[in-house]
N, C-alpha and C. Protein backbone atom coordinates (compact mmCIF):
# COMPACT_ATOMS: atom_id res chain seq x y z
N MET A 1 -2.21 9.85 -17.12
CA MET A 1 -2.19 10.60 -16.05
C MET A 1 -1.90 9.64 -14.93
N ALA A 2 -1.11 10.11 -13.86
CA ALA A 2 -0.64 9.52 -12.92
C ALA A 2 -1.83 8.92 -12.30
N GLU A 3 -1.69 8.00 -11.35
CA GLU A 3 -2.60 7.35 -10.51
C GLU A 3 -2.37 7.11 -9.05
N VAL A 4 -2.97 7.52 -8.24
CA VAL A 4 -2.57 7.39 -6.60
C VAL A 4 -3.37 6.04 -6.20
N VAL A 5 -2.95 5.12 -5.57
CA VAL A 5 -3.63 4.23 -4.87
C VAL A 5 -3.43 4.21 -3.31
N GLU A 6 -4.73 4.23 -2.78
CA GLU A 6 -4.60 4.34 -1.23
C GLU A 6 -5.24 2.87 -0.88
N PHE A 7 -4.19 2.35 0.02
CA PHE A 7 -4.52 0.92 0.58
C PHE A 7 -4.65 0.94 2.14
N THR A 8 -5.83 0.71 2.73
CA THR A 8 -5.64 1.08 3.96
C THR A 8 -6.09 -0.45 4.65
N LEU A 9 -5.42 -0.66 5.67
CA LEU A 9 -5.68 -1.87 6.62
C LEU A 9 -6.03 -1.60 7.99
N ASN A 10 -6.86 -2.41 8.61
CA ASN A 10 -7.42 -2.07 9.97
C ASN A 10 -6.55 -3.64 10.73
N VAL A 11 -5.74 -3.08 11.44
CA VAL A 11 -4.73 -3.98 11.97
C VAL A 11 -5.40 -4.66 13.52
N LYS A 12 -5.25 -5.99 13.54
CA LYS A 12 -5.76 -6.56 14.69
C LYS A 12 -4.83 -5.91 16.08
N PRO A 13 -5.42 -5.74 17.34
CA PRO A 13 -4.70 -5.49 18.37
C PRO A 13 -3.24 -6.47 18.70
N GLY A 14 -2.25 -5.57 18.87
CA GLY A 14 -0.91 -6.17 19.18
C GLY A 14 -0.24 -6.51 17.82
N HIS A 15 -0.64 -6.23 16.67
CA HIS A 15 0.22 -6.42 15.45
C HIS A 15 0.64 -5.21 14.73
N TYR A 16 0.32 -3.95 15.23
CA TYR A 16 0.46 -2.72 14.53
C TYR A 16 1.92 -2.53 14.16
N ALA A 17 2.91 -2.92 14.84
CA ALA A 17 4.49 -2.82 14.46
C ALA A 17 4.73 -3.87 13.40
N GLN A 18 4.09 -4.97 13.43
CA GLN A 18 4.49 -6.00 12.54
C GLN A 18 3.99 -5.77 10.99
N VAL A 19 2.68 -5.18 11.14
CA VAL A 19 2.19 -4.87 9.82
C VAL A 19 2.74 -3.63 9.20
N LEU A 20 3.25 -2.66 10.02
CA LEU A 20 4.02 -1.55 9.45
C LEU A 20 5.24 -2.01 8.91
N ALA A 21 6.01 -2.98 9.52
CA ALA A 21 7.15 -3.52 9.17
C ALA A 21 7.14 -4.02 7.75
N LEU A 22 6.06 -5.01 7.73
CA LEU A 22 5.63 -5.86 6.40
C LEU A 22 5.26 -4.85 5.27
N TYR A 23 4.49 -3.87 5.53
CA TYR A 23 4.14 -3.09 4.59
C TYR A 23 5.33 -2.13 4.15
N SER A 24 6.19 -1.77 4.97
CA SER A 24 7.33 -0.93 4.67
C SER A 24 8.10 -1.75 3.61
N GLU A 25 8.41 -2.96 4.18
CA GLU A 25 9.28 -3.68 3.45
C GLU A 25 8.83 -3.93 2.00
N TRP A 26 7.49 -4.41 1.89
CA TRP A 26 6.98 -4.56 0.63
C TRP A 26 7.14 -3.48 -0.26
N ALA A 27 6.65 -2.16 0.25
CA ALA A 27 6.75 -1.02 -0.64
C ALA A 27 8.13 -0.78 -1.28
N HIS A 28 9.16 -0.93 -0.26
CA HIS A 28 10.46 -0.52 -0.60
C HIS A 28 10.89 -1.55 -1.67
N THR A 29 10.69 -2.81 -1.56
CA THR A 29 11.26 -3.69 -2.55
C THR A 29 10.38 -3.61 -3.71
N TYR A 30 8.95 -3.49 -3.91
CA TYR A 30 8.41 -3.22 -4.93
C TYR A 30 8.60 -2.03 -5.78
N MET A 31 9.14 -1.05 -5.14
CA MET A 31 9.54 0.11 -5.74
C MET A 31 10.86 -0.13 -6.62
N ASP A 32 11.61 -1.11 -6.21
CA ASP A 32 12.85 -1.60 -6.96
C ASP A 32 12.46 -2.31 -7.99
N ILE A 33 11.45 -3.33 -7.86
CA ILE A 33 11.04 -4.21 -9.08
C ILE A 33 10.01 -3.62 -10.09
N ASN A 34 9.09 -2.82 -9.60
CA ASN A 34 8.19 -2.07 -10.52
C ASN A 34 8.42 -0.82 -10.73
N PRO A 35 8.88 -0.53 -11.93
CA PRO A 35 9.17 1.03 -12.28
C PRO A 35 7.97 1.88 -12.46
N ALA A 36 6.87 1.34 -12.60
CA ALA A 36 5.62 1.94 -12.54
C ALA A 36 5.31 2.68 -11.34
N LEU A 37 5.70 2.18 -10.16
CA LEU A 37 5.61 2.82 -8.97
C LEU A 37 6.51 3.91 -8.63
N VAL A 38 6.14 5.15 -8.69
CA VAL A 38 6.93 6.47 -8.45
C VAL A 38 7.25 6.81 -7.35
N SER A 39 6.17 6.59 -6.39
CA SER A 39 6.60 7.07 -4.85
C SER A 39 5.64 6.31 -4.02
N ALA A 40 6.12 6.16 -2.76
CA ALA A 40 5.16 5.54 -1.79
C ALA A 40 5.30 6.11 -0.46
N LEU A 41 4.05 6.10 0.34
CA LEU A 41 4.21 6.65 1.67
C LEU A 41 3.39 5.55 2.31
N ILE A 42 4.09 5.15 3.58
CA ILE A 42 3.31 4.06 4.55
C ILE A 42 3.04 5.02 5.85
N VAL A 43 1.79 5.05 6.27
CA VAL A 43 1.40 5.88 7.38
C VAL A 43 0.41 5.18 8.27
N GLY A 44 0.50 5.49 9.54
CA GLY A 44 -0.37 4.83 10.38
C GLY A 44 -0.73 5.50 11.53
N ASP A 45 -1.77 5.01 12.39
CA ASP A 45 -2.11 5.41 13.67
C ASP A 45 -2.20 4.42 14.53
N GLU A 46 -1.30 3.96 15.55
CA GLU A 46 -1.44 2.94 16.45
C GLU A 46 -2.81 2.78 17.31
N GLY A 47 -3.17 4.16 17.59
CA GLY A 47 -4.26 4.09 18.60
C GLY A 47 -5.67 3.50 17.81
N THR A 48 -5.72 3.80 16.50
CA THR A 48 -7.06 3.41 15.91
C THR A 48 -6.57 2.01 15.25
N GLY A 49 -5.23 1.55 15.16
CA GLY A 49 -5.03 0.35 14.33
C GLY A 49 -5.17 0.44 12.76
N ILE A 50 -4.87 1.65 12.42
CA ILE A 50 -4.96 1.87 11.11
C ILE A 50 -3.58 1.89 10.43
N VAL A 51 -3.20 1.19 9.25
CA VAL A 51 -2.06 1.47 8.39
C VAL A 51 -2.68 1.60 7.04
N ARG A 52 -1.82 2.67 6.44
CA ARG A 52 -2.34 3.01 5.13
C ARG A 52 -1.06 3.29 4.29
N GLY A 53 -1.12 2.70 3.06
CA GLY A 53 -0.06 2.91 2.02
C GLY A 53 -0.68 3.92 0.92
N ILE A 54 0.16 4.71 0.46
CA ILE A 54 -0.18 5.71 -0.62
C ILE A 54 0.75 5.81 -1.54
N GLY A 55 0.34 5.02 -2.80
CA GLY A 55 1.26 5.02 -4.01
C GLY A 55 0.92 5.68 -5.06
N VAL A 56 1.99 6.32 -5.66
CA VAL A 56 1.79 6.89 -6.94
C VAL A 56 2.34 6.23 -8.08
N TYR A 57 1.57 5.85 -9.20
CA TYR A 57 1.78 5.04 -10.22
C TYR A 57 1.83 5.89 -11.40
N ARG A 58 2.51 5.58 -12.42
CA ARG A 58 2.54 6.15 -13.79
C ARG A 58 1.26 6.45 -14.39
N ASP A 59 0.42 5.56 -14.39
CA ASP A 59 -0.97 5.56 -14.99
C ASP A 59 -2.02 4.48 -14.22
N HIS A 60 -3.20 4.75 -14.56
CA HIS A 60 -4.25 3.91 -13.98
C HIS A 60 -3.95 2.34 -14.25
N ASP A 61 -3.56 1.93 -15.41
CA ASP A 61 -3.64 0.57 -15.77
C ASP A 61 -2.52 -0.01 -15.01
N GLU A 62 -1.42 0.50 -14.92
CA GLU A 62 -0.31 -0.03 -14.08
C GLU A 62 -0.55 0.03 -12.67
N ALA A 63 -1.29 0.86 -12.02
CA ALA A 63 -1.88 0.76 -10.73
C ALA A 63 -2.77 -0.33 -10.54
N ALA A 64 -3.76 -0.50 -11.58
CA ALA A 64 -4.59 -1.44 -11.31
C ALA A 64 -4.08 -2.80 -11.38
N ALA A 65 -2.92 -3.12 -12.11
CA ALA A 65 -2.28 -4.27 -12.34
C ALA A 65 -1.64 -4.84 -11.05
N VAL A 66 -1.44 -4.04 -9.98
CA VAL A 66 -0.75 -4.52 -8.95
C VAL A 66 -1.54 -5.89 -8.26
N ASN A 67 -2.90 -5.56 -8.25
CA ASN A 67 -3.75 -6.92 -7.71
C ASN A 67 -3.38 -8.01 -8.23
N SER A 68 -3.05 -8.14 -9.40
CA SER A 68 -2.71 -9.51 -10.01
C SER A 68 -1.12 -9.84 -10.05
N ASP A 69 -0.44 -8.83 -9.43
CA ASP A 69 0.91 -9.36 -9.24
C ASP A 69 1.42 -10.35 -7.98
N SER A 70 2.10 -11.33 -8.27
CA SER A 70 2.30 -12.46 -7.24
C SER A 70 2.94 -11.89 -6.10
N PHE A 71 3.88 -10.89 -6.27
CA PHE A 71 4.56 -10.17 -5.30
C PHE A 71 3.40 -9.55 -4.28
N PHE A 72 2.53 -9.00 -4.75
CA PHE A 72 1.46 -8.43 -3.82
C PHE A 72 0.68 -9.53 -3.37
N GLY A 73 0.32 -10.71 -4.03
CA GLY A 73 -0.31 -11.63 -3.40
C GLY A 73 0.43 -12.33 -2.26
N ASP A 74 1.70 -12.46 -2.39
CA ASP A 74 2.44 -12.77 -1.01
C ASP A 74 2.47 -11.87 0.06
N PHE A 75 2.42 -10.41 -0.26
CA PHE A 75 2.31 -9.71 0.85
C PHE A 75 0.77 -9.81 1.55
N MET A 76 -0.22 -9.98 0.67
CA MET A 76 -1.63 -10.11 1.13
C MET A 76 -1.52 -11.28 2.15
N ASP A 77 -0.96 -12.37 1.64
CA ASP A 77 -0.91 -13.68 2.47
C ASP A 77 -0.40 -13.53 3.78
N ALA A 78 0.77 -12.73 3.82
CA ALA A 78 1.44 -12.51 5.03
C ALA A 78 0.90 -11.57 6.01
N ILE A 79 0.06 -10.63 5.41
CA ILE A 79 -0.67 -9.77 6.59
C ILE A 79 -2.02 -10.18 6.85
N ALA A 80 -2.62 -11.23 6.18
CA ALA A 80 -4.07 -11.68 6.35
C ALA A 80 -4.28 -12.06 7.73
N PRO A 81 -3.55 -12.80 8.47
CA PRO A 81 -3.81 -13.07 9.83
C PRO A 81 -3.73 -11.97 10.95
N LEU A 82 -3.07 -10.99 10.25
CA LEU A 82 -2.68 -9.90 11.08
C LEU A 82 -3.55 -8.53 11.23
N ILE A 83 -4.69 -8.67 10.28
CA ILE A 83 -5.69 -7.62 9.94
C ILE A 83 -6.99 -8.13 10.14
N GLU A 84 -8.01 -7.27 10.55
CA GLU A 84 -9.30 -7.19 10.36
C GLU A 84 -9.99 -6.86 9.31
N GLY A 85 -10.94 -7.81 8.82
CA GLY A 85 -11.75 -7.48 7.62
C GLY A 85 -10.85 -7.17 6.40
N ALA A 86 -11.52 -7.03 5.23
CA ALA A 86 -10.98 -6.73 4.04
C ALA A 86 -10.06 -5.47 3.90
N PRO A 87 -9.01 -5.34 3.30
CA PRO A 87 -8.54 -4.18 3.25
C PRO A 87 -9.26 -3.21 2.12
N ASN A 88 -9.11 -1.96 2.25
CA ASN A 88 -9.90 -0.98 1.52
C ASN A 88 -8.87 -0.43 0.55
N ARG A 89 -9.30 -0.43 -0.88
CA ARG A 89 -8.29 -0.11 -1.92
C ARG A 89 -8.99 0.89 -2.73
N VAL A 90 -8.45 1.98 -2.95
CA VAL A 90 -9.15 3.13 -3.63
C VAL A 90 -8.14 3.90 -4.84
N LEU A 91 -8.55 3.82 -5.98
CA LEU A 91 -7.59 4.45 -7.00
C LEU A 91 -8.20 5.70 -7.34
N LEU A 92 -7.28 6.93 -7.23
CA LEU A 92 -7.64 8.23 -7.53
C LEU A 92 -6.55 8.78 -8.58
N ASP A 93 -7.32 9.66 -9.48
CA ASP A 93 -6.38 10.47 -10.36
C ASP A 93 -5.52 11.30 -9.65
N LEU A 94 -4.31 11.48 -10.03
CA LEU A 94 -3.30 12.39 -9.48
C LEU A 94 -3.35 13.63 -10.30
N PHE A 95 -3.84 15.02 -9.63
CA PHE A 95 -4.03 16.10 -10.49
C PHE A 95 -2.85 16.99 -10.17
N HIS A 96 -2.30 17.05 -9.00
CA HIS A 96 -1.26 18.01 -8.64
C HIS A 96 -0.56 17.22 -7.35
N ALA A 97 0.83 17.63 -7.29
CA ALA A 97 1.71 16.98 -6.39
C ALA A 97 2.78 18.04 -6.05
N TRP A 98 2.91 18.40 -4.70
CA TRP A 98 4.05 19.28 -4.29
C TRP A 98 4.93 18.70 -3.19
N SER A 99 5.95 18.94 -3.17
CA SER A 99 6.93 18.52 -2.06
C SER A 99 8.06 19.21 -2.10
N LYS A 100 8.96 19.66 -1.01
CA LYS A 100 10.12 20.29 -0.85
C LYS A 100 11.13 19.19 -0.56
């Protein structure tokens, strides 16, 4: 079953655009190097300082393995000084998806 990863960051004031750019670049590149990542959305709200990535992976094990990927570690190192607190990562089973 496909797995959705929701990864939420609380951005420090003044760093919203920088975090969005880093997250977008990471997701775009990661889709090229990891065939298990089927789709990705990067969304945010500057007013609240929230940046959230939503990725769809082929299955749970592939989604869970991202945490141990060195490319993900490099991304985390880059955003660490730009966010407040620990990121919130949730894995969810994907039951249905629609798009036009």
